[in-house]
Amino acid sequence: VTKGRPEARITLTYPVLESSWMVVFLVSGAGKRDMLDGILSGRITDVPAARLKPQGQLLWFADRAAAGSWAG
């Protein structure tokens, strides 16, 4: 248990995540729209989610509010 937070946490390093055959991000809410757009368009590269390059698939699941112009 971390200080001030009741939930248990597990930390995974880049080598562990990048050795995965599938990495999935779940993004929700309009407050995440600018960040998601920046990562998917390549404008934002200095955050962990943008730097992750797994061996397998990298999937993004986003609701319409977060997806913005990326929503089909």
N, C-alpha and C. Protein backbone atom coordinates (compact mmCIF):
# COMPACT_ATOMS: atom_id res chain seq x y z
N VAL A 1 0.85 -1.18 0.00
CA VAL A 1 0.00 0.00 0.00
C VAL A 1 0.89 1.23 0.00
N THR A 2 0.58 2.17 -0.87
CA THR A 2 1.37 3.39 -0.96
C THR A 2 0.85 4.42 0.02
N LYS A 3 1.69 5.35 0.38
CA LYS A 3 1.29 6.41 1.30
C LYS A 3 0.15 7.22 0.73
N GLY A 4 -0.91 7.37 1.51
CA GLY A 4 -2.02 8.20 1.10
C GLY A 4 -2.94 7.59 0.06
N ARG A 5 -2.62 6.41 -0.42
CA ARG A 5 -3.45 5.75 -1.43
C ARG A 5 -3.79 4.36 -0.95
N PRO A 6 -5.06 4.00 -0.91
CA PRO A 6 -5.46 2.72 -0.36
C PRO A 6 -5.21 1.52 -1.27
N GLU A 7 -5.09 1.74 -2.59
CA GLU A 7 -4.96 0.60 -3.48
C GLU A 7 -3.51 0.12 -3.56
N ALA A 8 -3.38 -1.17 -3.79
CA ALA A 8 -2.05 -1.75 -4.01
C ALA A 8 -1.59 -1.36 -5.41
N ARG A 9 -0.30 -1.17 -5.57
CA ARG A 9 0.24 -0.77 -6.87
C ARG A 9 1.37 -1.70 -7.28
N ILE A 10 1.47 -1.91 -8.58
CA ILE A 10 2.56 -2.69 -9.16
C ILE A 10 3.25 -1.78 -10.18
N THR A 11 4.56 -1.71 -10.11
CA THR A 11 5.32 -0.90 -11.06
C THR A 11 5.97 -1.82 -12.08
N LEU A 12 5.79 -1.51 -13.35
CA LEU A 12 6.41 -2.26 -14.43
C LEU A 12 7.38 -1.34 -15.16
N THR A 13 8.54 -1.85 -15.49
CA THR A 13 9.56 -1.05 -16.17
C THR A 13 9.38 -1.14 -17.69
N TYR A 14 10.04 -0.24 -18.41
CA TYR A 14 9.98 -0.28 -19.87
C TYR A 14 10.38 -1.64 -20.43
N PRO A 15 11.48 -2.26 -19.98
CA PRO A 15 11.83 -3.57 -20.55
C PRO A 15 10.72 -4.61 -20.37
N VAL A 16 10.06 -4.60 -19.24
CA VAL A 16 8.97 -5.56 -19.02
C VAL A 16 7.82 -5.26 -19.98
N LEU A 17 7.40 -4.00 -20.04
CA LEU A 17 6.28 -3.64 -20.90
C LEU A 17 6.61 -3.84 -22.38
N GLU A 18 7.83 -3.50 -22.77
CA GLU A 18 8.20 -3.62 -24.17
C GLU A 18 8.41 -5.06 -24.61
N SER A 19 8.57 -5.98 -23.69
CA SER A 19 8.67 -7.39 -24.05
C SER A 19 7.29 -8.02 -24.23
N SER A 20 6.24 -7.25 -24.01
CA SER A 20 4.88 -7.76 -24.12
C SER A 20 4.45 -7.94 -25.56
N TRP A 21 3.57 -8.90 -25.77
CA TRP A 21 3.02 -9.13 -27.11
C TRP A 21 1.81 -8.25 -27.35
N MET A 22 1.25 -7.68 -26.28
CA MET A 22 0.15 -6.74 -26.44
C MET A 22 0.13 -5.78 -25.25
N VAL A 23 0.06 -4.50 -25.57
CA VAL A 23 -0.07 -3.46 -24.56
C VAL A 23 -1.34 -2.68 -24.89
N VAL A 24 -2.18 -2.46 -23.88
CA VAL A 24 -3.45 -1.80 -24.10
C VAL A 24 -3.56 -0.59 -23.18
N PHE A 25 -3.96 0.54 -23.76
CA PHE A 25 -4.26 1.74 -22.99
C PHE A 25 -5.77 1.96 -23.05
N LEU A 26 -6.35 2.32 -21.93
CA LEU A 26 -7.76 2.67 -21.85
C LEU A 26 -7.83 4.14 -21.47
N VAL A 27 -8.41 4.95 -22.36
CA VAL A 27 -8.43 6.40 -22.18
C VAL A 27 -9.88 6.86 -22.16
N SER A 28 -10.22 7.66 -21.17
CA SER A 28 -11.61 8.06 -21.00
C SER A 28 -11.72 9.54 -20.63
N GLY A 29 -12.65 10.22 -21.26
CA GLY A 29 -12.98 11.58 -20.87
C GLY A 29 -12.34 12.66 -21.73
N ALA A 30 -13.06 13.76 -21.87
CA ALA A 30 -12.60 14.88 -22.68
C ALA A 30 -11.30 15.50 -22.15
N GLY A 31 -11.04 15.34 -20.86
CA GLY A 31 -9.82 15.88 -20.29
C GLY A 31 -8.56 15.20 -20.80
N LYS A 32 -8.70 14.04 -21.40
CA LYS A 32 -7.55 13.30 -21.96
C LYS A 32 -7.39 13.52 -23.46
N ARG A 33 -8.33 14.24 -24.07
CA ARG A 33 -8.34 14.39 -25.53
C ARG A 33 -7.06 14.99 -26.08
N ASP A 34 -6.60 16.10 -25.53
CA ASP A 34 -5.40 16.76 -26.06
C ASP A 34 -4.16 15.87 -25.95
N MET A 35 -4.02 15.17 -24.83
CA MET A 35 -2.87 14.28 -24.65
C MET A 35 -2.93 13.11 -25.63
N LEU A 36 -4.09 12.49 -25.75
CA LEU A 36 -4.23 11.36 -26.67
C LEU A 36 -3.95 11.81 -28.10
N ASP A 37 -4.50 12.93 -28.51
CA ASP A 37 -4.26 13.45 -29.85
C ASP A 37 -2.77 13.72 -30.06
N GLY A 38 -2.13 14.30 -29.08
CA GLY A 38 -0.71 14.59 -29.19
C GLY A 38 0.14 13.34 -29.33
N ILE A 39 -0.19 12.31 -28.58
CA ILE A 39 0.56 11.05 -28.66
C ILE A 39 0.33 10.37 -30.00
N LEU A 40 -0.94 10.24 -30.40
CA LEU A 40 -1.25 9.53 -31.64
C LEU A 40 -0.74 10.27 -32.88
N SER A 41 -0.69 11.59 -32.83
CA SER A 41 -0.21 12.36 -33.97
C SER A 41 1.31 12.51 -33.99
N GLY A 42 1.96 12.15 -32.87
CA GLY A 42 3.41 12.26 -32.80
C GLY A 42 3.91 13.61 -32.30
N ARG A 43 3.00 14.52 -31.97
CA ARG A 43 3.41 15.83 -31.45
C ARG A 43 3.96 15.74 -30.03
N ILE A 44 3.44 14.81 -29.25
CA ILE A 44 3.90 14.63 -27.87
C ILE A 44 4.71 13.34 -27.81
N THR A 45 5.96 13.46 -27.44
CA THR A 45 6.84 12.28 -27.39
C THR A 45 7.54 12.12 -26.05
N ASP A 46 7.32 13.05 -25.13
CA ASP A 46 8.08 13.04 -23.88
C ASP A 46 7.31 12.48 -22.69
N VAL A 47 6.25 11.73 -22.93
CA VAL A 47 5.51 11.09 -21.84
C VAL A 47 5.67 9.57 -21.98
N PRO A 48 5.59 8.83 -20.89
CA PRO A 48 5.81 7.38 -20.95
C PRO A 48 4.95 6.66 -21.99
N ALA A 49 3.69 7.00 -22.10
CA ALA A 49 2.82 6.31 -23.05
C ALA A 49 3.27 6.52 -24.49
N ALA A 50 3.89 7.63 -24.79
CA ALA A 50 4.37 7.90 -26.15
C ALA A 50 5.68 7.20 -26.45
N ARG A 51 6.46 6.90 -25.44
CA ARG A 51 7.78 6.28 -25.63
C ARG A 51 7.72 4.77 -25.68
N LEU A 52 6.63 4.18 -25.29
CA LEU A 52 6.51 2.73 -25.20
C LEU A 52 6.43 2.10 -26.59
N LYS A 53 7.33 1.15 -26.86
CA LYS A 53 7.38 0.46 -28.16
C LYS A 53 7.42 -1.05 -27.90
N PRO A 54 6.25 -1.67 -27.69
CA PRO A 54 6.24 -3.10 -27.39
C PRO A 54 6.61 -3.96 -28.60
N GLN A 55 7.03 -5.20 -28.33
CA GLN A 55 7.34 -6.14 -29.40
C GLN A 55 6.10 -6.48 -30.21
N GLY A 56 4.98 -6.52 -29.53
CA GLY A 56 3.72 -6.89 -30.19
C GLY A 56 2.86 -5.69 -30.48
N GLN A 57 1.56 -5.87 -30.33
CA GLN A 57 0.60 -4.81 -30.65
C GLN A 57 0.48 -3.78 -29.54
N LEU A 58 0.21 -2.56 -29.95
CA LEU A 58 -0.10 -1.48 -29.03
C LEU A 58 -1.51 -1.01 -29.39
N LEU A 59 -2.45 -1.22 -28.48
CA LEU A 59 -3.84 -0.87 -28.74
C LEU A 59 -4.29 0.27 -27.84
N TRP A 60 -5.07 1.16 -28.42
CA TRP A 60 -5.66 2.27 -27.67
C TRP A 60 -7.17 2.11 -27.72
N PHE A 61 -7.80 2.04 -26.56
CA PHE A 61 -9.25 2.06 -26.45
C PHE A 61 -9.62 3.39 -25.83
N ALA A 62 -10.44 4.16 -26.53
CA ALA A 62 -10.81 5.49 -26.04
C ALA A 62 -12.30 5.71 -26.27
N ASP A 63 -12.94 6.36 -25.32
CA ASP A 63 -14.33 6.73 -25.55
C ASP A 63 -14.36 7.93 -26.51
N ARG A 64 -15.53 8.28 -27.00
CA ARG A 64 -15.64 9.37 -27.98
C ARG A 64 -15.15 10.69 -27.43
N ALA A 65 -15.37 10.92 -26.15
CA ALA A 65 -14.94 12.18 -25.54
C ALA A 65 -13.42 12.31 -25.59
N ALA A 66 -12.71 11.24 -25.33
CA ALA A 66 -11.24 11.27 -25.37
C ALA A 66 -10.71 11.21 -26.79
N ALA A 67 -11.38 10.45 -27.64
CA ALA A 67 -10.89 10.22 -29.01
C ALA A 67 -10.98 11.46 -29.89
N GLY A 68 -11.96 12.30 -29.66
CA GLY A 68 -12.08 13.51 -30.48
C GLY A 68 -12.09 13.20 -31.95
N SER A 69 -11.19 13.79 -32.71
CA SER A 69 -11.16 13.60 -34.17
C SER A 69 -10.70 12.21 -34.58
N TRP A 70 -10.16 11.42 -33.66
CA TRP A 70 -9.74 10.06 -33.96
C TRP A 70 -10.91 9.09 -33.98
N ALA A 71 -12.06 9.50 -33.45
CA ALA A 71 -13.24 8.64 -33.42
C ALA A 71 -13.77 8.45 -34.85
N GLY A 72 -14.12 7.24 -35.16
CA GLY A 72 -14.60 6.94 -36.51
C GLY A 72 -16.08 7.06 -36.67
